[in-house]
Full PDB file with SEQRES, HELIX, SHEET, SSBOND, CRYST1, ORIGX, SCALE, CONECT and MASTER records, all heavy atoms in Angstrom:
SEQRES   1 A   41  GLY VAL SER VAL GLU LYS ILE LEU LEU THR HIS GLY HIS          
SEQRES   2 A   41  ILE ASP HIS ALA GLY GLY ALA LYS ALA LEU ALA ASP GLU          
SEQRES   3 A   41  LEU GLY VAL PRO VAL GLU GLY PRO HIS GLU ALA ASP ARG          
SEQRES   4 A   41  PHE TRP                                                      
HELIX    1 AA1 ILE A   14  ALA A   17  1                                   4    
HELIX    2 AA2 ALA A   20  LEU A   27  1                                   8    
HELIX    3 AA3 GLU A   36  ASP A   38  5                                   3    
SHEET    1 AA1 2 ILE A   7  LEU A   8  0                                        
SHEET    2 AA1 2 VAL A  31  GLU A  32  1                                        
CRYST1    1.000    1.000    1.000  90.00  90.00  90.00 P 1           1          
ORIGX1      1.000000  0.000000  0.000000        0.00000                         
ORIGX2      0.000000  1.000000  0.000000        0.00000                         
ORIGX3      0.000000  0.000000  1.000000        0.00000                         
SCALE1      1.000000  0.000000  0.000000        0.00000                         
SCALE2      0.000000  1.000000  0.000000        0.00000                         
SCALE3      0.000000  0.000000  1.000000        0.00000                         
ATOM      1  N   GLY A   1      -6.311 -32.076  -2.155  1.00  0.00           N  
ATOM      2  CA  GLY A   1      -7.568 -32.648  -2.617  1.00  0.00           C  
ATOM      3  C   GLY A   1      -8.683 -32.555  -1.595  1.00  0.00           C  
ATOM      4  O   GLY A   1      -9.535 -33.449  -1.504  1.00  0.00           O  
ATOM      5  N   VAL A   2      -8.688 -31.453  -0.824  1.00  0.00           N  
ATOM      6  CA  VAL A   2      -9.662 -31.302   0.250  1.00  0.00           C  
ATOM      7  C   VAL A   2     -10.688 -30.223  -0.082  1.00  0.00           C  
ATOM      8  O   VAL A   2     -10.488 -29.404  -0.983  1.00  0.00           O  
ATOM      9  CB  VAL A   2      -8.966 -30.955   1.582  1.00  0.00           C  
ATOM     10  CG1 VAL A   2      -8.057 -32.104   2.007  1.00  0.00           C  
ATOM     11  CG2 VAL A   2      -8.164 -29.654   1.474  1.00  0.00           C  
ATOM     12  N   SER A   3     -11.771 -30.238   0.675  1.00  0.00           N  
ATOM     13  CA  SER A   3     -12.821 -29.232   0.560  1.00  0.00           C  
ATOM     14  C   SER A   3     -12.816 -28.389   1.828  1.00  0.00           C  
ATOM     15  O   SER A   3     -13.079 -28.900   2.926  1.00  0.00           O  
ATOM     16  CB  SER A   3     -14.182 -29.914   0.379  1.00  0.00           C  
ATOM     17  OG  SER A   3     -15.220 -28.967   0.434  1.00  0.00           O  
ATOM     18  N   VAL A   4     -12.493 -27.112   1.697  1.00  0.00           N  
ATOM     19  CA  VAL A   4     -12.381 -26.238   2.871  1.00  0.00           C  
ATOM     20  C   VAL A   4     -13.769 -25.821   3.336  1.00  0.00           C  
ATOM     21  O   VAL A   4     -14.585 -25.327   2.550  1.00  0.00           O  
ATOM     22  CB  VAL A   4     -11.528 -24.994   2.544  1.00  0.00           C  
ATOM     23  CG1 VAL A   4     -11.521 -24.019   3.722  1.00  0.00           C  
ATOM     24  CG2 VAL A   4     -10.106 -25.412   2.179  1.00  0.00           C  
ATOM     25  N   GLU A   5     -14.022 -26.023   4.633  1.00  0.00           N  
ATOM     26  CA  GLU A   5     -15.330 -25.651   5.176  1.00  0.00           C  
ATOM     27  C   GLU A   5     -15.269 -24.496   6.158  1.00  0.00           C  
ATOM     28  O   GLU A   5     -16.303 -23.953   6.534  1.00  0.00           O  
ATOM     29  CB  GLU A   5     -16.010 -26.861   5.828  1.00  0.00           C  
ATOM     30  CG  GLU A   5     -15.272 -27.468   6.987  1.00  0.00           C  
ATOM     31  CD  GLU A   5     -16.036 -28.638   7.607  1.00  0.00           C  
ATOM     32  OE1 GLU A   5     -17.097 -29.016   7.059  1.00  0.00           O  
ATOM     33  OE2 GLU A   5     -15.583 -29.153   8.640  1.00  0.00           O  
ATOM     34  N   LYS A   6     -14.068 -24.082   6.564  1.00  0.00           N  
ATOM     35  CA  LYS A   6     -13.969 -22.924   7.455  1.00  0.00           C  
ATOM     36  C   LYS A   6     -12.529 -22.448   7.550  1.00  0.00           C  
ATOM     37  O   LYS A   6     -11.595 -23.145   7.129  1.00  0.00           O  
ATOM     38  CB  LYS A   6     -14.493 -23.243   8.853  1.00  0.00           C  
ATOM     39  CG  LYS A   6     -13.688 -24.269   9.625  1.00  0.00           C  
ATOM     40  CD  LYS A   6     -14.352 -24.622  10.952  1.00  0.00           C  
ATOM     41  CE  LYS A   6     -15.742 -25.210  10.763  1.00  0.00           C  
ATOM     42  NZ  LYS A   6     -16.380 -25.630  12.022  1.00  0.00           N  
ATOM     43  N   ILE A   7     -12.384 -21.259   8.105  1.00  0.00           N  
ATOM     44  CA  ILE A   7     -11.080 -20.681   8.410  1.00  0.00           C  
ATOM     45  C   ILE A   7     -11.004 -20.512   9.917  1.00  0.00           C  
ATOM     46  O   ILE A   7     -11.965 -20.048  10.543  1.00  0.00           O  
ATOM     47  CB  ILE A   7     -10.891 -19.334   7.695  1.00  0.00           C  
ATOM     48  CG1 ILE A   7     -10.751 -19.560   6.181  1.00  0.00           C  
ATOM     49  CG2 ILE A   7      -9.681 -18.579   8.238  1.00  0.00           C  
ATOM     50  CD1 ILE A   7     -10.880 -18.312   5.363  1.00  0.00           C  
ATOM     51  N   LEU A   8      -9.878 -20.910  10.509  1.00  0.00           N  
ATOM     52  CA  LEU A   8      -9.654 -20.753  11.940  1.00  0.00           C  
ATOM     53  C   LEU A   8      -8.510 -19.774  12.172  1.00  0.00           C  
ATOM     54  O   LEU A   8      -7.507 -19.811  11.456  1.00  0.00           O  
ATOM     55  CB  LEU A   8      -9.302 -22.104  12.587  1.00  0.00           C  
ATOM     56  CG  LEU A   8     -10.334 -23.222  12.472  1.00  0.00           C  
ATOM     57  CD1 LEU A   8      -9.781 -24.519  13.070  1.00  0.00           C  
ATOM     58  CD2 LEU A   8     -11.635 -22.839  13.163  1.00  0.00           C  
ATOM     59  N   LEU A   9      -8.673 -18.899  13.166  1.00  0.00           N  
ATOM     60  CA  LEU A   9      -7.633 -17.935  13.510  1.00  0.00           C  
ATOM     61  C   LEU A   9      -7.192 -18.135  14.954  1.00  0.00           C  
ATOM     62  O   LEU A   9      -8.032 -18.186  15.863  1.00  0.00           O  
ATOM     63  CB  LEU A   9      -8.139 -16.497  13.337  1.00  0.00           C  
ATOM     64  CG  LEU A   9      -8.527 -16.066  11.924  1.00  0.00           C  
ATOM     65  CD1 LEU A   9      -9.031 -14.623  11.938  1.00  0.00           C  
ATOM     66  CD2 LEU A   9      -7.358 -16.203  10.951  1.00  0.00           C  
ATOM     67  N   THR A  10      -5.869 -18.216  15.164  1.00  0.00           N  
ATOM     68  CA  THR A  10      -5.347 -18.295  16.525  1.00  0.00           C  
ATOM     69  C   THR A  10      -5.293 -16.923  17.178  1.00  0.00           C  
ATOM     70  O   THR A  10      -5.483 -16.799  18.389  1.00  0.00           O  
ATOM     71  CB  THR A  10      -3.939 -18.919  16.573  1.00  0.00           C  
ATOM     72  OG1 THR A  10      -3.028 -18.092  15.822  1.00  0.00           O  
ATOM     73  CG2 THR A  10      -3.946 -20.340  16.010  1.00  0.00           C  
ATOM     74  N   HIS A  11      -5.008 -15.900  16.368  1.00  0.00           N  
ATOM     75  CA  HIS A  11      -4.980 -14.527  16.893  1.00  0.00           C  
ATOM     76  C   HIS A  11      -5.029 -13.552  15.727  1.00  0.00           C  
ATOM     77  O   HIS A  11      -5.086 -13.956  14.566  1.00  0.00           O  
ATOM     78  CB  HIS A  11      -3.764 -14.299  17.795  1.00  0.00           C  
ATOM     79  CG  HIS A  11      -2.426 -14.395  17.138  1.00  0.00           C  
ATOM     80  ND1 HIS A  11      -1.906 -15.580  16.654  1.00  0.00           N  
ATOM     81  CD2 HIS A  11      -1.471 -13.449  16.903  1.00  0.00           C  
ATOM     82  CE1 HIS A  11      -0.701 -15.366  16.156  1.00  0.00           C  
ATOM     83  NE2 HIS A  11      -0.410 -14.074  16.292  1.00  0.00           N  
ATOM     84  N   GLY A  12      -5.024 -12.260  16.055  1.00  0.00           N  
ATOM     85  CA  GLY A  12      -5.346 -11.264  15.047  1.00  0.00           C  
ATOM     86  C   GLY A  12      -4.205 -10.554  14.367  1.00  0.00           C  
ATOM     87  O   GLY A  12      -4.433  -9.598  13.638  1.00  0.00           O  
ATOM     88  N   HIS A  13      -2.968 -10.982  14.560  1.00  0.00           N  
ATOM     89  CA  HIS A  13      -1.844 -10.296  13.920  1.00  0.00           C  
ATOM     90  C   HIS A  13      -1.875 -10.453  12.406  1.00  0.00           C  
ATOM     91  O   HIS A  13      -2.339 -11.461  11.878  1.00  0.00           O  
ATOM     92  CB  HIS A  13      -0.512 -10.818  14.477  1.00  0.00           C  
ATOM     93  CG  HIS A  13      -0.179 -10.269  15.831  1.00  0.00           C  
ATOM     94  ND1 HIS A  13       0.802 -10.819  16.631  1.00  0.00           N  
ATOM     95  CD2 HIS A  13      -0.688  -9.215  16.531  1.00  0.00           C  
ATOM     96  CE1 HIS A  13       0.882 -10.121  17.769  1.00  0.00           C  
ATOM     97  NE2 HIS A  13      -0.006  -9.156  17.725  1.00  0.00           N  
ATOM     98  N   ILE A  14      -1.319  -9.464  11.737  1.00  0.00           N  
ATOM     99  CA  ILE A  14      -1.382  -9.351  10.277  1.00  0.00           C  
ATOM    100  C   ILE A  14      -0.896 -10.605   9.557  1.00  0.00           C  
ATOM    101  O   ILE A  14      -1.507 -11.067   8.585  1.00  0.00           O  
ATOM    102  CB  ILE A  14      -0.578  -8.105   9.814  1.00  0.00           C  
ATOM    103  CG1 ILE A  14      -0.587  -7.958   8.293  1.00  0.00           C  
ATOM    104  CG2 ILE A  14       0.863  -8.151  10.329  1.00  0.00           C  
ATOM    105  CD1 ILE A  14      -1.902  -7.529   7.720  1.00  0.00           C  
ATOM    106  N   ASP A  15       0.205 -11.201  10.017  1.00  0.00           N  
ATOM    107  CA  ASP A  15       0.774 -12.338   9.300  1.00  0.00           C  
ATOM    108  C   ASP A  15      -0.047 -13.614   9.494  1.00  0.00           C  
ATOM    109  O   ASP A  15       0.176 -14.608   8.800  1.00  0.00           O  
ATOM    110  CB  ASP A  15       2.236 -12.570   9.691  1.00  0.00           C  
ATOM    111  CG  ASP A  15       2.455 -12.696  11.188  1.00  0.00           C  
ATOM    112  OD1 ASP A  15       1.721 -12.036  11.956  1.00  0.00           O  
ATOM    113  OD2 ASP A  15       3.366 -13.435  11.608  1.00  0.00           O  
ATOM    114  N   HIS A  16      -0.999 -13.580  10.416  1.00  0.00           N  
ATOM    115  CA  HIS A  16      -1.873 -14.738  10.651  1.00  0.00           C  
ATOM    116  C   HIS A  16      -3.268 -14.536  10.077  1.00  0.00           C  
ATOM    117  O   HIS A  16      -3.934 -15.503   9.715  1.00  0.00           O  
ATOM    118  CB  HIS A  16      -1.983 -15.021  12.152  1.00  0.00           C  
ATOM    119  CG  HIS A  16      -0.719 -15.525  12.756  1.00  0.00           C  
ATOM    120  ND1 HIS A  16      -0.523 -16.843  13.114  1.00  0.00           N  
ATOM    121  CD2 HIS A  16       0.445 -14.883  13.043  1.00  0.00           C  
ATOM    122  CE1 HIS A  16       0.698 -16.984  13.598  1.00  0.00           C  
ATOM    123  NE2 HIS A  16       1.304 -15.812  13.567  1.00  0.00           N  
ATOM    124  N   ALA A  17      -3.721 -13.284  10.033  1.00  0.00           N  
ATOM    125  CA  ALA A  17      -5.122 -13.026   9.693  1.00  0.00           C  
ATOM    126  C   ALA A  17      -5.322 -12.139   8.470  1.00  0.00           C  
ATOM    127  O   ALA A  17      -6.463 -11.928   8.045  1.00  0.00           O  
ATOM    128  CB  ALA A  17      -5.825 -12.389  10.901  1.00  0.00           C  
ATOM    129  N   GLY A  18      -4.245 -11.641   7.882  1.00  0.00           N  
ATOM    130  CA  GLY A  18      -4.376 -10.669   6.808  1.00  0.00           C  
ATOM    131  C   GLY A  18      -5.190 -11.130   5.614  1.00  0.00           C  
ATOM    132  O   GLY A  18      -5.902 -10.349   4.988  1.00  0.00           O  
ATOM    133  N   GLY A  19      -5.100 -12.434   5.274  1.00  0.00           N  
ATOM    134  CA  GLY A  19      -5.809 -12.949   4.110  1.00  0.00           C  
ATOM    135  C   GLY A  19      -7.126 -13.623   4.434  1.00  0.00           C  
ATOM    136  O   GLY A  19      -7.787 -14.156   3.538  1.00  0.00           O  
ATOM    137  N   ALA A  20      -7.539 -13.601   5.702  1.00  0.00           N  
ATOM    138  CA  ALA A  20      -8.723 -14.362   6.116  1.00  0.00           C  
ATOM    139  C   ALA A  20     -10.001 -13.889   5.429  1.00  0.00           C  
ATOM    140  O   ALA A  20     -10.800 -14.701   4.951  1.00  0.00           O  
ATOM    141  CB  ALA A  20      -8.882 -14.296   7.640  1.00  0.00           C  
ATOM    142  N   LYS A  21     -10.196 -12.577   5.366  1.00  0.00           N  
ATOM    143  CA  LYS A  21     -11.429 -12.047   4.763  1.00  0.00           C  
ATOM    144  C   LYS A  21     -11.505 -12.403   3.284  1.00  0.00           C  
ATOM    145  O   LYS A  21     -12.543 -12.896   2.802  1.00  0.00           O  
ATOM    146  CB  LYS A  21     -11.472 -10.526   4.949  1.00  0.00           C  
ATOM    147  CG  LYS A  21     -12.644  -9.815   4.254  1.00  0.00           C  
ATOM    148  CD  LYS A  21     -13.949 -10.068   4.978  1.00  0.00           C  
ATOM    149  CE  LYS A  21     -15.037  -9.069   4.576  1.00  0.00           C  
ATOM    150  NZ  LYS A  21     -15.438  -9.111   3.175  1.00  0.00           N  
ATOM    151  N   ALA A  22     -10.427 -12.180   2.555  1.00  0.00           N  
ATOM    152  CA  ALA A  22     -10.438 -12.462   1.118  1.00  0.00           C  
ATOM    153  C   ALA A  22     -10.649 -13.947   0.849  1.00  0.00           C  
ATOM    154  O   ALA A  22     -11.425 -14.327  -0.037  1.00  0.00           O  
ATOM    155  CB  ALA A  22      -9.129 -11.983   0.480  1.00  0.00           C  
ATOM    156  N   LEU A  23      -9.990 -14.803   1.619  1.00  0.00           N  
ATOM    157  CA  LEU A  23     -10.127 -16.243   1.395  1.00  0.00           C  
ATOM    158  C   LEU A  23     -11.519 -16.726   1.793  1.00  0.00           C  
ATOM    159  O   LEU A  23     -12.123 -17.554   1.095  1.00  0.00           O  
ATOM    160  CB  LEU A  23      -9.063 -16.996   2.190  1.00  0.00           C  
ATOM    161  CG  LEU A  23      -8.974 -18.503   1.917  1.00  0.00           C  
ATOM    162  CD1 LEU A  23      -8.613 -18.775   0.456  1.00  0.00           C  
ATOM    163  CD2 LEU A  23      -7.946 -19.162   2.843  1.00  0.00           C  
ATOM    164  N   ALA A  24     -12.046 -16.204   2.897  1.00  0.00           N  
ATOM    165  CA  ALA A  24     -13.393 -16.592   3.329  1.00  0.00           C  
ATOM    166  C   ALA A  24     -14.433 -16.190   2.286  1.00  0.00           C  
ATOM    167  O   ALA A  24     -15.353 -16.962   1.970  1.00  0.00           O  
ATOM    168  CB  ALA A  24     -13.720 -15.957   4.676  1.00  0.00           C  
ATOM    169  N   ASP A  25     -14.286 -14.990   1.752  1.00  0.00           N  
ATOM    170  CA  ASP A  25     -15.231 -14.526   0.727  1.00  0.00           C  
ATOM    171  C   ASP A  25     -15.124 -15.375  -0.533  1.00  0.00           C  
ATOM    172  O   ASP A  25     -16.132 -15.754  -1.136  1.00  0.00           O  
ATOM    173  CB  ASP A  25     -14.968 -13.060   0.389  1.00  0.00           C  
ATOM    174  CG  ASP A  25     -15.397 -12.111   1.502  1.00  0.00           C  
ATOM    175  OD1 ASP A  25     -16.051 -12.574   2.455  1.00  0.00           O  
ATOM    176  OD2 ASP A  25     -15.053 -10.910   1.419  1.00  0.00           O  
ATOM    177  N   GLU A  26     -13.908 -15.688  -0.915  1.00  0.00           N  
ATOM    178  CA  GLU A  26     -13.673 -16.460  -2.130  1.00  0.00           C  
ATOM    179  C   GLU A  26     -14.248 -17.870  -2.024  1.00  0.00           C  
ATOM    180  O   GLU A  26     -14.863 -18.390  -2.966  1.00  0.00           O  
ATOM    181  CB  GLU A  26     -12.174 -16.525  -2.398  1.00  0.00           C  
ATOM    182  CG  GLU A  26     -11.780 -17.316  -3.618  1.00  0.00           C  
ATOM    183  CD  GLU A  26     -10.262 -17.379  -3.763  1.00  0.00           C  
ATOM    184  OE1 GLU A  26      -9.610 -16.327  -3.667  1.00  0.00           O  
ATOM    185  OE2 GLU A  26      -9.736 -18.488  -3.953  1.00  0.00           O  
ATOM    186  N   LEU A  27     -14.064 -18.495  -0.854  1.00  0.00           N  
ATOM    187  CA  LEU A  27     -14.512 -19.874  -0.663  1.00  0.00           C  
ATOM    188  C   LEU A  27     -15.938 -19.965  -0.134  1.00  0.00           C  
ATOM    189  O   LEU A  27     -16.520 -21.052  -0.104  1.00  0.00           O  
ATOM    190  CB  LEU A  27     -13.565 -20.600   0.303  1.00  0.00           C  
ATOM    191  CG  LEU A  27     -12.109 -20.736  -0.139  1.00  0.00           C  
ATOM    192  CD1 LEU A  27     -11.283 -21.408   0.949  1.00  0.00           C  
ATOM    193  CD2 LEU A  27     -12.005 -21.514  -1.447  1.00  0.00           C  
ATOM    194  N   GLY A  28     -16.477 -18.846   0.334  1.00  0.00           N  
ATOM    195  CA  GLY A  28     -17.824 -18.856   0.887  1.00  0.00           C  
ATOM    196  C   GLY A  28     -17.913 -19.627   2.194  1.00  0.00           C  
ATOM    197  O   GLY A  28     -18.863 -20.366   2.432  1.00  0.00           O  
ATOM    198  N   VAL A  29     -16.909 -19.442   3.061  1.00  0.00           N  
ATOM    199  CA  VAL A  29     -16.856 -20.170   4.326  1.00  0.00           C  
ATOM    200  C   VAL A  29     -16.747 -19.195   5.495  1.00  0.00           C  
ATOM    201  O   VAL A  29     -16.321 -18.054   5.325  1.00  0.00           O  
ATOM    202  CB  VAL A  29     -15.661 -21.158   4.359  1.00  0.00           C  
ATOM    203  CG1 VAL A  29     -15.801 -22.186   3.237  1.00  0.00           C  
ATOM    204  CG2 VAL A  29     -14.329 -20.418   4.252  1.00  0.00           C  
ATOM    205  N   PRO A  30     -17.126 -19.633   6.705  1.00  0.00           N  
ATOM    206  CA  PRO A  30     -17.030 -18.761   7.875  1.00  0.00           C  
ATOM    207  C   PRO A  30     -15.622 -18.698   8.445  1.00  0.00           C  
ATOM    208  O   PRO A  30     -14.787 -19.563   8.179  1.00  0.00           O  
ATOM    209  CB  PRO A  30     -17.981 -19.420   8.878  1.00  0.00           C  
ATOM    210  CG  PRO A  30     -17.944 -20.872   8.515  1.00  0.00           C  
ATOM    211  CD  PRO A  30     -17.784 -20.921   7.020  1.00  0.00           C  
ATOM    212  N   VAL A  31     -15.392 -17.663   9.253  1.00  0.00           N  
ATOM    213  CA  VAL A  31     -14.152 -17.505  10.012  1.00  0.00           C  
ATOM    214  C   VAL A  31     -14.485 -17.716  11.482  1.00  0.00           C  
ATOM    215  O   VAL A  31     -15.401 -17.079  12.013  1.00  0.00           O  
ATOM    216  CB  VAL A  31     -13.535 -16.107   9.806  1.00  0.00           C  
ATOM    217  CG1 VAL A  31     -12.290 -15.932  10.680  1.00  0.00           C  
ATOM    218  CG2 VAL A  31     -13.218 -15.866   8.342  1.00  0.00           C  
ATOM    219  N   GLU A  32     -13.754 -18.611  12.149  1.00  0.00           N  
ATOM    220  CA  GLU A  32     -13.964 -18.872  13.564  1.00  0.00           C  
ATOM    221  C   GLU A  32     -12.691 -18.558  14.334  1.00  0.00           C  
ATOM    222  O   GLU A  32     -11.601 -18.985  13.952  1.00  0.00           O  
ATOM    223  CB  GLU A  32     -14.385 -20.326  13.790  1.00  0.00           C  
ATOM    224  CG  GLU A  32     -15.698 -20.673  13.089  1.00  0.00           C  
ATOM    225  CD  GLU A  32     -16.178 -22.084  13.381  1.00  0.00           C  
ATOM    226  OE1 GLU A  32     -15.582 -22.765  14.242  1.00  0.00           O  
ATOM    227  OE2 GLU A  32     -17.150 -22.509  12.741  1.00  0.00           O  
ATOM    228  N   GLY A  33     -12.841 -17.818  15.431  1.00  0.00           N  
ATOM    229  CA  GLY A  33     -11.716 -17.403  16.255  1.00  0.00           C  
ATOM    230  C   GLY A  33     -11.157 -16.074  15.762  1.00  0.00           C  
ATOM    231  O   GLY A  33     -11.527 -15.601  14.692  1.00  0.00           O  
ATOM    232  N   PRO A  34     -10.300 -15.507  16.566  1.00  0.00           N  
ATOM    233  CA  PRO A  34      -9.856 -15.952  17.886  1.00  0.00           C  
ATOM    234  C   PRO A  34     -10.845 -15.539  18.977  1.00  0.00           C  
ATOM    235  O   PRO A  34     -12.047 -15.455  18.711  1.00  0.00           O  
ATOM    236  CB  PRO A  34      -8.509 -15.231  18.033  1.00  0.00           C  
ATOM    237  CG  PRO A  34      -8.708 -13.936  17.267  1.00  0.00           C  
ATOM    238  CD  PRO A  34      -9.601 -14.303  16.108  1.00  0.00           C  
ATOM    239  N   HIS A  35     -10.343 -15.278  20.190  1.00  0.00           N  
ATOM    240  CA  HIS A  35     -11.162 -14.708  21.258  1.00  0.00           C  
ATOM    241  C   HIS A  35     -11.409 -13.235  20.939  1.00  0.00           C  
ATOM    242  O   HIS A  35     -10.582 -12.571  20.303  1.00  0.00           O  
ATOM    243  CB  HIS A  35     -10.424 -14.855  22.593  1.00  0.00           C  
ATOM    244  CG  HIS A  35     -11.193 -14.384  23.788  1.00  0.00           C  
ATOM    245  ND1 HIS A  35     -11.292 -13.055  24.131  1.00  0.00           N  
ATOM    246  CD2 HIS A  35     -11.888 -15.070  24.720  1.00  0.00           C  
ATOM    247  CE1 HIS A  35     -12.015 -12.937  25.227  1.00  0.00           C  
ATOM    248  NE2 HIS A  35     -12.401 -14.149  25.615  1.00  0.00           N  
ATOM    249  N   GLU A  36     -12.531 -12.717  21.413  1.00  0.00           N  
ATOM    250  CA  GLU A  36     -12.912 -11.346  21.046  1.00  0.00           C  
ATOM    251  C   GLU A  36     -11.943 -10.291  21.568  1.00  0.00           C  
ATOM    252  O   GLU A  36     -11.944  -9.155  21.075  1.00  0.00           O  
ATOM    253  CB  GLU A  36     -14.325 -11.039  21.547  1.00  0.00           C  
ATOM    254  CG  GLU A  36     -14.904  -9.787  20.916  1.00  0.00           C  
ATOM    255  CD  GLU A  36     -16.378  -9.594  21.194  1.00  0.00           C  
ATOM    256  OE1 GLU A  36     -16.976 -10.405  21.933  1.00  0.00           O  
ATOM    257  OE2 GLU A  36     -16.938  -8.623  20.652  1.00  0.00           O  
ATOM    258  N   ALA A  37     -11.086 -10.649  22.509  1.00  0.00           N  
ATOM    259  CA  ALA A  37     -10.087  -9.693  22.991  1.00  0.00           C  
ATOM    260  C   ALA A  37      -9.123  -9.272  21.879  1.00  0.00           C  
ATOM    261  O   ALA A  37      -8.424  -8.265  22.019  1.00  0.00           O  
ATOM    262  CB  ALA A  37      -9.308 -10.285  24.159  1.00  0.00           C  
ATOM    263  N   ASP A  38      -9.092 -10.001  20.771  1.00  0.00           N  
ATOM    264  CA  ASP A  38      -8.240  -9.624  19.627  1.00  0.00           C  
ATOM    265  C   ASP A  38      -8.992  -8.820  18.580  1.00  0.00           C  
ATOM    266  O   ASP A  38      -8.469  -8.597  17.480  1.00  0.00           O  
ATOM    267  CB  ASP A  38      -7.610 -10.871  18.986  1.00  0.00           C  
ATOM    268  CG  ASP A  38      -6.223 -11.149  19.549  1.00  0.00           C  
ATOM    269  OD1 ASP A  38      -5.890 -10.609  20.627  1.00  0.00           O  
ATOM    270  OD2 ASP A  38      -5.468 -11.910  18.916  1.00  0.00           O  
ATOM    271  N   ARG A  39     -10.188  -8.348  18.900  1.00  0.00           N  
ATOM    272  CA  ARG A  39     -10.910  -7.478  17.960  1.00  0.00           C  
ATOM    273  C   ARG A  39     -10.058  -6.272  17.570  1.00  0.00           C  
ATOM    274  O   ARG A  39     -10.078  -5.814  16.430  1.00  0.00           O  
ATOM    275  CB  ARG A  39     -12.233  -7.024  18.590  1.00  0.00           C  
ATOM    276  CG  ARG A  39     -13.071  -6.150  17.671  1.00  0.00           C  
ATOM    277  CD  ARG A  39     -14.293  -5.618  18.391  1.00  0.00           C  
ATOM    278  NE  ARG A  39     -15.302  -6.642  18.591  1.00  0.00           N  
ATOM    279  CZ  ARG A  39     -16.208  -6.984  17.680  1.00  0.00           C  
ATOM    280  NH1 ARG A  39     -16.196  -6.413  16.484  1.00  0.00           N  
ATOM    281  NH2 ARG A  39     -17.114  -7.900  17.954  1.00  0.00           N  
ATOM    282  N   PHE A  40      -9.292  -5.758  18.527  1.00  0.00           N  
ATOM    283  CA  PHE A  40      -8.385  -4.628  18.298  1.00  0.00           C  
ATOM    284  C   PHE A  40      -7.492  -4.884  17.089  1.00  0.00           C  
ATOM    285  O   PHE A  40      -7.319  -4.013  16.221  1.00  0.00           O  
ATOM    286  CB  PHE A  40      -7.541  -4.404  19.558  1.00  0.00           C  
ATOM    287  CG  PHE A  40      -6.301  -3.561  19.344  1.00  0.00           C  
ATOM    288  CD1 PHE A  40      -6.385  -2.182  19.308  1.00  0.00           C  
ATOM    289  CD2 PHE A  40      -5.052  -4.154  19.193  1.00  0.00           C  
ATOM    290  CE1 PHE A  40      -5.240  -1.408  19.112  1.00  0.00           C  
ATOM    291  CE2 PHE A  40      -3.905  -3.396  19.004  1.00  0.00           C  
ATOM    292  CZ  PHE A  40      -4.007  -2.008  18.963  1.00  0.00           C  
ATOM    293  N   TRP A  41      -6.908  -6.088  17.021  1.00  0.00           N  
ATOM    294  CA  TRP A  41      -5.985  -6.404  15.926  1.00  0.00           C  
ATOM    295  C   TRP A  41      -6.725  -6.630  14.612  1.00  0.00           C  
ATOM    296  O   TRP A  41      -6.276  -6.162  13.550  1.00  0.00           O  
ATOM    297  CB  TRP A  41      -5.158  -7.643  16.282  1.00  0.00           C  
ATOM    298  CG  TRP A  41      -4.150  -7.390  17.354  1.00  0.00           C  
ATOM    299  CD1 TRP A  41      -4.185  -7.808  18.651  1.00  0.00           C  
ATOM    300  CD2 TRP A  41      -2.945  -6.615  17.232  1.00  0.00           C  
ATOM    301  NE1 TRP A  41      -3.080  -7.356  19.340  1.00  0.00           N  
ATOM    302  CE2 TRP A  41      -2.308  -6.630  18.488  1.00  0.00           C  
ATOM    303  CE3 TRP A  41      -2.343  -5.916  16.172  1.00  0.00           C  
ATOM    304  CZ2 TRP A  41      -1.097  -5.968  18.722  1.00  0.00           C  
ATOM    305  CZ3 TRP A  41      -1.138  -5.268  16.398  1.00  0.00           C  
ATOM    306  CH2 TRP A  41      -0.534  -5.301  17.647  1.00  0.00           C  
TER     307      TRP A  41                                                      
MASTER        0    0    0    3    2    0    0    6  306    1    0    4          
END                                                                             
């Protein structure tokens, strides 16, 4: 029964971040994290 206001990522591996873009777009919320050193992933 909550209202999601953002998505947080601990790191960029597939099993943690694979759905972030689709969910962020669907909910209209920002994605915060991880550190930019995980841009590669």
